[in-house]
Each structure stands twice: as C-alpha cells, then as structure tokens.
Protein backbone atom coordinates (compact mmCIF):
# COMPACT_ATOMS: atom_id res chain seq x y z
CA MET A 1 32.92 -29.64 -15.74
CA THR A 2 32.07 -26.06 -16.64
CA GLU A 3 34.87 -23.53 -16.98
CA PRO A 4 34.81 -20.62 -14.48
CA ARG A 5 33.42 -17.39 -15.83
CA PRO A 6 35.98 -14.68 -16.65
CA VAL A 7 36.37 -12.04 -13.95
CA TYR A 8 36.54 -8.35 -14.84
CA VAL A 9 36.74 -4.94 -13.23
CA LEU A 10 34.73 -1.91 -14.34
CA GLY A 11 35.98 1.67 -14.51
CA VAL A 12 33.62 4.64 -14.66
CA ASP A 13 34.46 8.26 -15.47
CA SER A 14 31.55 10.60 -14.73
CA GLY A 15 31.99 14.24 -15.69
CA GLY A 16 30.42 17.24 -17.30
CA SER A 17 30.20 15.57 -20.70
CA GLY A 18 28.57 12.35 -19.48
CA LEU A 19 29.79 8.86 -18.60
CA ARG A 20 32.62 6.78 -20.01
CA VAL A 21 32.70 3.15 -18.92
CA ALA A 22 35.24 0.42 -19.67
CA LEU A 23 35.89 -3.19 -18.73
CA ALA A 24 39.30 -4.73 -17.99
CA ALA A 25 40.83 -7.93 -16.73
CA PRO A 26 42.90 -7.41 -13.56
CA ASP A 27 46.29 -9.07 -13.30
CA GLY A 28 49.55 -8.57 -11.44
CA GLY A 29 50.37 -5.38 -13.34
CA ALA A 30 48.14 -2.77 -14.93
CA PRO A 31 44.60 -3.83 -15.85
CA ARG A 32 44.36 -5.31 -19.34
CA PRO A 33 41.52 -4.15 -21.60
CA VAL A 34 39.37 -7.10 -22.64
CA PRO A 35 38.69 -8.03 -26.26
CA ALA A 36 36.12 -5.68 -27.77
CA GLY A 37 36.48 -3.72 -24.54
CA GLU A 38 36.55 -0.21 -25.98
CA PRO A 39 34.80 2.26 -23.66
CA VAL A 40 31.11 2.97 -24.06
CA ARG A 41 29.85 6.49 -23.61
CA SER A 42 26.78 8.38 -22.53
CA ALA A 43 26.49 12.00 -23.58
CA GLU A 44 24.12 12.91 -20.72
CA PRO A 45 25.81 14.25 -17.57
CA VAL A 46 24.61 12.77 -14.29
CA ARG A 47 22.08 15.04 -12.60
CA THR A 48 22.53 16.64 -9.20
CA GLY A 49 19.71 17.02 -6.71
CA PRO A 50 19.14 17.97 -3.05
CA ARG A 51 21.53 15.21 -1.91
CA GLY A 52 24.14 16.00 -4.54
CA ILE A 53 25.01 13.70 -7.42
CA ASP A 54 21.92 11.60 -8.21
CA ALA A 55 22.80 7.94 -7.60
CA ALA A 56 19.66 6.65 -9.30
CA HIS A 57 20.37 8.65 -12.45
CA LEU A 58 23.97 7.40 -12.55
CA LEU A 59 22.83 3.80 -12.08
CA GLY A 60 20.20 4.16 -14.77
CA GLN A 61 22.94 4.99 -17.25
CA LEU A 62 25.68 2.75 -15.88
CA LEU A 63 23.92 -0.61 -15.62
CA PRO A 64 22.93 -0.94 -19.31
CA MET A 65 26.45 0.12 -20.29
CA ALA A 66 28.02 -2.48 -17.99
CA ARG A 67 25.77 -5.23 -19.37
CA ALA A 68 26.60 -4.20 -22.94
CA LEU A 69 30.32 -4.41 -22.18
CA LEU A 70 29.93 -7.86 -20.61
CA GLU A 71 27.94 -9.07 -23.60
CA ARG A 72 30.56 -7.68 -25.95
CA ALA A 73 33.27 -9.52 -23.98
CA GLY A 74 31.40 -12.82 -24.28
CA GLY A 75 30.12 -12.98 -20.72
CA GLY A 76 31.71 -13.10 -17.30
CA ARG A 77 31.25 -11.33 -14.00
CA ILE A 78 32.38 -8.01 -12.54
CA THR A 79 34.13 -8.28 -9.21
CA ALA A 80 35.05 -4.63 -8.59
CA VAL A 81 33.95 -1.20 -9.77
CA ALA A 82 35.68 2.16 -9.41
CA VAL A 83 33.63 5.28 -10.09
CA GLY A 84 35.44 8.57 -10.59
CA ALA A 85 32.87 11.36 -10.34
CA ALA A 86 33.18 15.10 -10.76
CA GLY A 87 31.98 16.83 -7.62
CA LEU A 88 32.13 13.74 -5.40
CA ALA A 89 34.10 15.49 -2.66
CA THR A 90 31.33 17.99 -1.95
CA LEU A 91 28.27 16.44 -3.67
CA GLY A 92 28.77 12.72 -3.07
CA ASP A 93 26.45 11.89 -0.16
CA ASP A 94 23.82 10.14 -2.29
CA LEU A 95 26.44 8.15 -4.21
CA ARG A 96 28.14 6.96 -1.01
CA ALA A 97 24.79 6.01 0.54
CA GLU A 98 23.24 4.22 -2.44
CA LEU A 99 25.75 3.14 -5.06
CA PRO A 100 27.80 0.39 -3.34
CA SER A 101 24.81 -1.65 -2.17
CA ALA A 102 23.02 -1.23 -5.52
CA LEU A 103 26.05 -2.41 -7.49
CA GLY A 104 26.49 -5.32 -5.10
CA GLU A 105 22.85 -6.34 -5.49
CA VAL A 106 22.48 -5.90 -9.24
CA LEU A 107 25.95 -6.81 -10.54
CA GLY A 108 27.21 -8.91 -7.63
CA VAL A 109 30.39 -6.85 -7.26
CA ARG A 110 32.47 -7.45 -4.13
CA ARG A 111 34.34 -4.14 -3.97
CA VAL A 112 33.34 -0.60 -4.97
CA ALA A 113 35.62 2.44 -4.92
CA LEU A 114 34.06 5.89 -5.02
CA ALA A 115 36.58 8.54 -6.00
CA ALA A 116 36.65 12.18 -6.90
CA ASP A 117 37.49 12.57 -10.57
CA ALA A 118 40.73 14.25 -9.49
CA VAL A 119 41.76 10.99 -7.78
CA THR A 120 41.13 8.90 -10.90
CA ALA A 121 42.94 11.57 -12.92
CA TYR A 122 45.86 11.16 -10.52
CA ALA A 123 45.79 7.36 -10.73
CA GLY A 124 45.66 7.51 -14.52
CA ALA A 125 48.47 10.03 -14.79
CA LEU A 126 50.94 8.94 -12.08
CA GLY A 127 49.66 5.57 -10.89
CA GLU A 128 50.77 5.05 -7.30
CA SER A 129 53.84 7.30 -7.34
CA PRO A 130 54.00 10.33 -5.02
CA GLY A 131 53.58 13.64 -6.80
CA ALA A 132 50.91 16.03 -7.98
CA VAL A 133 48.47 16.15 -10.87
CA VAL A 134 46.67 19.18 -12.25
CA ALA A 135 43.40 18.13 -13.86
CA ALA A 136 42.02 20.98 -15.94
CA GLY A 137 39.16 21.30 -18.35
CA THR A 138 36.16 23.54 -17.77
CA GLY A 139 37.29 23.67 -14.13
CA LEU A 140 40.62 23.02 -12.43
CA ILE A 141 41.83 21.06 -9.46
CA ALA A 142 45.28 20.01 -8.30
CA LEU A 143 45.77 16.90 -6.20
CA GLY A 144 48.96 15.59 -4.67
CA THR A 145 50.00 12.83 -2.30
CA ASP A 146 52.99 11.37 -0.52
CA LEU A 147 50.92 8.12 -0.34
CA THR A 148 49.92 8.82 3.27
CA ALA A 149 47.43 11.68 2.71
CA TRP A 150 46.03 13.85 -0.07
CA ARG A 151 46.77 17.54 -0.62
CA ARG A 152 44.07 19.35 -2.59
CA ALA A 153 44.22 22.79 -4.15
CA ASP A 154 41.29 24.58 -5.83
CA GLY A 155 38.48 22.72 -7.55
CA TRP A 156 35.99 25.07 -5.89
CA GLY A 157 33.86 25.75 -8.96
CA HIS A 158 33.70 28.64 -11.38
CA LEU A 159 32.23 31.12 -8.87
CA LEU A 160 34.74 30.57 -6.06
CA GLY A 161 37.80 29.20 -7.81
CA ASP A 162 38.89 26.88 -10.64
CA CYS A 163 41.46 29.60 -11.28
CA GLY A 164 43.24 29.16 -14.59
CA GLY A 165 40.70 26.61 -15.86
CA GLY A 166 38.69 26.83 -19.06
CA ALA A 167 35.74 28.73 -17.59
CA TRP A 168 38.15 31.14 -15.86
CA ILE A 169 40.01 31.84 -19.12
CA GLY A 170 36.80 32.18 -21.11
CA ARG A 171 35.23 34.53 -18.57
CA ALA A 172 38.36 36.72 -18.54
CA GLY A 173 38.33 36.79 -22.33
CA LEU A 174 34.67 37.78 -22.45
CA GLU A 175 35.26 40.49 -19.85
CA ALA A 176 37.99 41.89 -22.12
CA ALA A 177 35.52 41.77 -25.02
CA MET A 178 32.91 43.68 -22.98
CA ARG A 179 35.53 46.28 -22.01
CA ALA A 180 36.33 46.79 -25.69
CA HIS A 181 32.61 47.11 -26.45
CA ASP A 182 32.32 49.83 -23.77
CA GLY A 183 35.56 51.60 -24.63
CA ARG A 184 37.08 50.88 -21.21
CA ARG A 185 40.75 50.26 -20.51
CA GLY A 186 41.86 46.63 -20.69
CA GLY A 187 39.59 45.85 -23.60
CA SER A 188 40.49 43.62 -26.52
CA PRO A 189 38.98 44.43 -29.92
CA PRO A 190 40.12 41.05 -31.36
CA LEU A 191 38.34 39.22 -28.54
CA LEU A 192 35.24 41.36 -29.10
CA VAL A 193 35.18 40.29 -32.76
CA ARG A 194 35.52 36.65 -31.77
CA ALA A 195 32.88 36.92 -29.04
CA GLU A 196 30.32 38.40 -31.42
CA ARG A 197 31.14 35.78 -34.02
CA LEU A 198 30.54 33.02 -31.44
CA PHE A 199 27.67 34.44 -29.38
CA GLY A 200 26.14 37.28 -31.37
CA PRO A 201 25.97 40.93 -30.22
CA VAL A 202 27.64 41.08 -26.80
CA ALA A 203 25.11 43.56 -25.41
CA GLY A 204 22.67 40.63 -25.31
CA LEU A 205 25.17 38.15 -23.88
CA PRO A 206 24.21 38.53 -20.17
CA GLY A 207 20.60 37.67 -20.92
CA ARG A 208 21.64 34.62 -22.90
CA LEU A 209 24.33 33.46 -20.47
CA TYR A 210 23.14 34.08 -16.92
CA PRO A 211 19.99 31.89 -16.96
CA ARG A 212 21.85 28.85 -18.31
CA ALA A 213 22.61 25.90 -16.03
CA ASP A 214 25.69 25.11 -18.12
CA ARG A 215 27.33 28.52 -17.68
CA PRO A 216 30.79 27.09 -16.89
CA ALA A 217 30.82 25.10 -20.13
CA VAL A 218 29.65 28.11 -22.14
CA LEU A 219 32.37 30.27 -20.61
CA ALA A 220 34.97 27.57 -21.28
CA SER A 221 33.92 27.41 -24.93
CA PHE A 222 35.54 30.84 -25.33
CA ALA A 223 38.93 29.74 -23.98
CA PRO A 224 40.16 28.50 -27.39
CA GLU A 225 39.34 31.94 -28.80
CA VAL A 226 41.56 33.54 -26.16
CA ALA A 227 44.37 31.14 -27.07
CA GLY A 228 43.83 31.87 -30.76
CA CYS A 229 44.35 35.60 -30.14
CA ALA A 230 47.28 35.33 -27.74
CA ALA A 231 50.09 35.63 -30.28
CA GLU A 232 48.85 38.97 -31.67
CA ASP A 233 46.81 40.42 -28.80
CA ALA A 234 48.50 41.58 -25.60
CA VAL A 235 45.33 41.28 -23.52
CA ALA A 236 44.71 37.68 -24.56
CA GLY A 237 48.37 36.85 -23.95
CA ALA A 238 48.20 38.35 -20.46
CA ILE A 239 45.10 36.27 -19.65
CA LEU A 240 46.95 33.07 -20.50
CA ARG A 241 50.00 34.15 -18.50
CA ASP A 242 47.73 34.78 -15.50
CA ALA A 243 46.11 31.38 -16.05
CA ALA A 244 49.55 29.74 -16.11
CA ARG A 245 50.44 31.44 -12.83
CA HIS A 246 47.24 30.17 -11.18
CA ILE A 247 47.80 26.62 -12.48
CA ALA A 248 51.38 26.57 -11.17
CA GLU A 249 50.22 27.94 -7.80
CA ALA A 250 47.72 25.07 -7.51
CA ALA A 251 50.39 22.53 -8.43
CA ALA A 252 52.78 24.00 -5.86
CA ALA A 253 50.14 23.86 -3.13
CA ALA A 254 49.32 20.22 -3.92
CA CYS A 255 52.90 18.92 -4.18
CA PRO A 256 54.12 16.84 -1.24
CA GLN A 257 56.38 18.90 0.97
CA ASP A 258 60.07 18.28 1.58
CA ALA A 259 60.54 16.05 -1.44
CA ALA A 260 61.19 16.25 -5.13
CA CYS A 261 57.85 16.14 -6.87
CA GLU A 262 56.68 14.75 -10.19
CA VAL A 263 53.95 16.90 -11.74
CA ALA A 264 51.64 15.75 -14.50
CA LEU A 265 49.06 17.74 -16.42
CA THR A 266 45.87 16.11 -17.62
CA GLY A 267 42.61 17.30 -19.12
CA GLY A 268 41.26 19.07 -22.16
CA LEU A 269 42.48 22.53 -21.17
CA PHE A 270 46.02 21.69 -22.16
CA LYS A 271 44.89 21.13 -25.73
CA LEU A 272 45.07 24.93 -25.98
CA GLY A 273 48.71 24.20 -26.74
CA GLU A 274 51.73 26.45 -26.71
CA PRO A 275 49.95 29.76 -25.96
CA LEU A 276 49.21 28.29 -22.51
CA LEU A 277 51.96 25.68 -22.17
CA VAL A 278 54.89 28.05 -22.79
CA PRO A 279 54.05 30.38 -19.88
CA LEU A 280 53.01 27.39 -17.78
CA ARG A 281 56.40 25.73 -18.15
CA GLU A 282 58.02 29.01 -17.09
CA GLU A 283 55.76 29.32 -14.04
CA LEU A 284 56.29 25.71 -12.98
CA ALA A 285 60.05 26.19 -13.21
CA ALA A 286 59.84 29.34 -11.10
CA GLN A 287 57.38 28.11 -8.47
CA LEU A 288 58.45 24.46 -8.29
CA PRO A 289 62.16 24.41 -9.05
CA ARG A 290 62.55 20.89 -7.62
CA ALA A 291 59.58 19.47 -9.51
CA ARG A 292 59.88 17.43 -12.67
CA GLN A 293 57.07 17.67 -15.19
CA VAL A 294 56.23 14.24 -16.61
CA PRO A 295 53.69 13.22 -19.25
CA ALA A 296 50.45 11.74 -17.94
CA ALA A 297 50.50 7.96 -18.44
CA GLY A 298 46.73 7.81 -18.93
CA ASP A 299 43.45 9.61 -18.43
CA PRO A 300 40.82 9.45 -15.63
CA LEU A 301 39.13 6.37 -17.13
CA ASP A 302 42.49 4.58 -17.14
CA GLY A 303 42.82 5.66 -13.51
CA ALA A 304 39.38 4.29 -12.61
CA LEU A 305 40.32 0.92 -14.15
CA ARG A 306 43.57 0.92 -12.20
CA VAL A 307 41.81 1.65 -8.91
CA ALA A 308 39.22 -1.05 -9.68
CA ALA A 309 41.98 -3.60 -10.34
CA ASP A 310 43.82 -2.55 -7.18
CA ILE A 311 40.79 -3.01 -4.92
CA ALA A 312 39.95 -6.32 -6.60
CA LEU A 313 43.46 -7.62 -5.82
CA ASP A 314 43.65 -5.91 -2.40
CA ARG A 315 46.72 -3.88 -3.33
CA LEU A 316 45.49 -0.26 -3.25
CA ARG A 317 48.28 2.06 -2.10
CA LEU A 318 46.61 5.42 -2.73
CA PRO A 319 45.38 6.88 0.57
CA GLN A 320 41.72 6.50 1.43
CA ASP A 321 39.82 9.62 2.41
CA ALA A 322 36.18 10.05 3.41
CA CYS A 323 35.56 12.63 0.69
CA LEU A 324 38.11 11.80 -2.00
CA LEU A 325 38.49 8.00 -2.11
CA SER A 326 36.49 5.40 -0.20
CA VAL A 327 36.31 1.62 -0.66
CA HIS A 328 33.15 -0.35 0.09
CA SER A 329 32.41 -4.10 0.31
CA PRO A 330 28.71 -4.49 -0.54
CA HIS A 331 28.94 -8.21 -1.40
CA PRO A 332 31.56 -9.81 0.88
CA GLU A 333 33.63 -12.77 -0.23
CA GLY A 334 31.73 -15.98 0.24
CA ALA A 335 28.34 -14.27 0.51
C-alpha cells in the first residue's frame, strides 16, 4: 500500500522587485514551512499589458519555481495557492480571468486566492485580527478591516498618491535639491550634493529620469539620502515629518471605526529608521489616540502562506472583495 503524497500550500508575493514563492504544510494553526522550504525568488517583475498584470508572464515564472520547491521537499502535491500581487485591485483582470484555471490544470490545485499585496501584507502582519496595516516601500497603501469589510486608503501610485512612501519622499528630496541648484527658497544644499553624487549633474536629471519606466523606484532610491540628511538639514527633516503625517493620515482612514485599533507597519520604507519613525510615532499618537502600534508578525509572503492555508482548510475569516481578495475553485473536490 503506497503512502499518500504530502499536501502543501503555495504562497506567492509578486511586487516591484519580482516574485517570492514559498511552500508550507497547512495544519490547525499557522502554516508550517516544509523542510528545505526556503523561498525561491525571481528578480524580474511581472509585466503589465493592456489587460493589466500579465497572467502568462506570472505563470511562466511561477510554475518552474513551484516545481523546484516540490522537488526540494521530496515530492507531494499543492492543494491551494494564494497570490499576493501589487496592483491587483486596479490591474488584476487578466489574473482573475486566467490564473485560477491555469493553476488548476497544471498543478491540480483545488483552491486559489488572488489578493492585493496589501491584503497579504495585512495577513502577514496582523493575521485575522481587526486593525489596520500600512504597507510602505516605493509606494504606500493602508488597509484596515473589522473582518466584515475592507477600508482602503491611498495606494494610488506615485502620480496620484502613495503619499509618504519612498517615491514621494525621494521626489520631495530631489525637488529640494533642484531648488538649491536654482537658488530658490526651500532648497537644500546637502540634498543637492547627495543628488549629484547619486545621479550626476542635476541639470541633466529630467532627461535621465522622465523616459524611464521605473521612475517610482528611481525616485525611491533617493529616500535614504533624505533620511541621512534629516538630523542636520531642516528641509530634509521637514520632508520626513510631512511623510509621517501622510502615513498617519492613511492609517487613520483605514482603521475600523468605533473601536480600538491595532496598527502595524510593514515594508522596506520603515528601514529608514528613527528619522522617519520618531515623527511617525508622534503623528500616530496625535491622529489615532486609541490605536495601539504593534510589531508586524510577518511579511507579505508569510501572509500569502497564511491565506493559502486558510482556504485549503476552509477557515478564511478575512473578508472577500471582488478587487482585493477573491477565492476560486478551479479543480473542485472529487474532480
């Protein structure tokens, strides 16, 4: 009599720096990473096209990674997949149309969750507790829930929002550098020095920056320079205080109403450290006096694994939403 094959769930984190994919064994608690189950990574971000995020391009990267993880684990089958994707809320039509059936056909999965990366950030940070999470890196989005519906604030991209995020801070810092170059008020000579050290003569910066498809990432690359100047430069310090105010405003808008709220911060932006975190703690205390800031329990990939385990065991408590979190059954039980 042959032993049954091990059953796993797959978590996927798709963002601006590529894919991260991990395998875990679901159980009654949190998903358990499998032996040799360290995440695998792809450095190539998933393309976007006329229908938004390109499902075929994501699959072309994901399937070899999933097979490599299964081989590393010694075999088995994947019963559920959760994909957390940046831009899913507004650019997810192709993923929703193509990905569940393709994963059911190729990998035989029975459940697929498609989630905005803010949802997997929430699940990784707070699990299934009500509260709010600010996920900030190049961009910024705040997401909150009382477990009946989601409340979203910002996440509108570097041209229309993402206020207080990495690209926002970097752009403000470069504007201050350009003002110093011109001799206008509000300029920062220290930021001008740092901008020219990083990008070359700033008079040529528009021609080098504007044609690039990765403008938000280039802008965000200057955010650490702003933080590095903040202690000695009043302009840089003011930029970070403004960023902190925007971040706290997003958290306040996302927090469930009429209840004490746990707030967690997650994402690379907060690696800027105390120059940003000190004013942010002050702003959170002022704007959300009933909120309690808690450390994030995990990252978006941890959240994707948690959602995958929850849908595999039919215990998902986070609210489903057509744009933010949807669950699909491409390969029904018994089929």
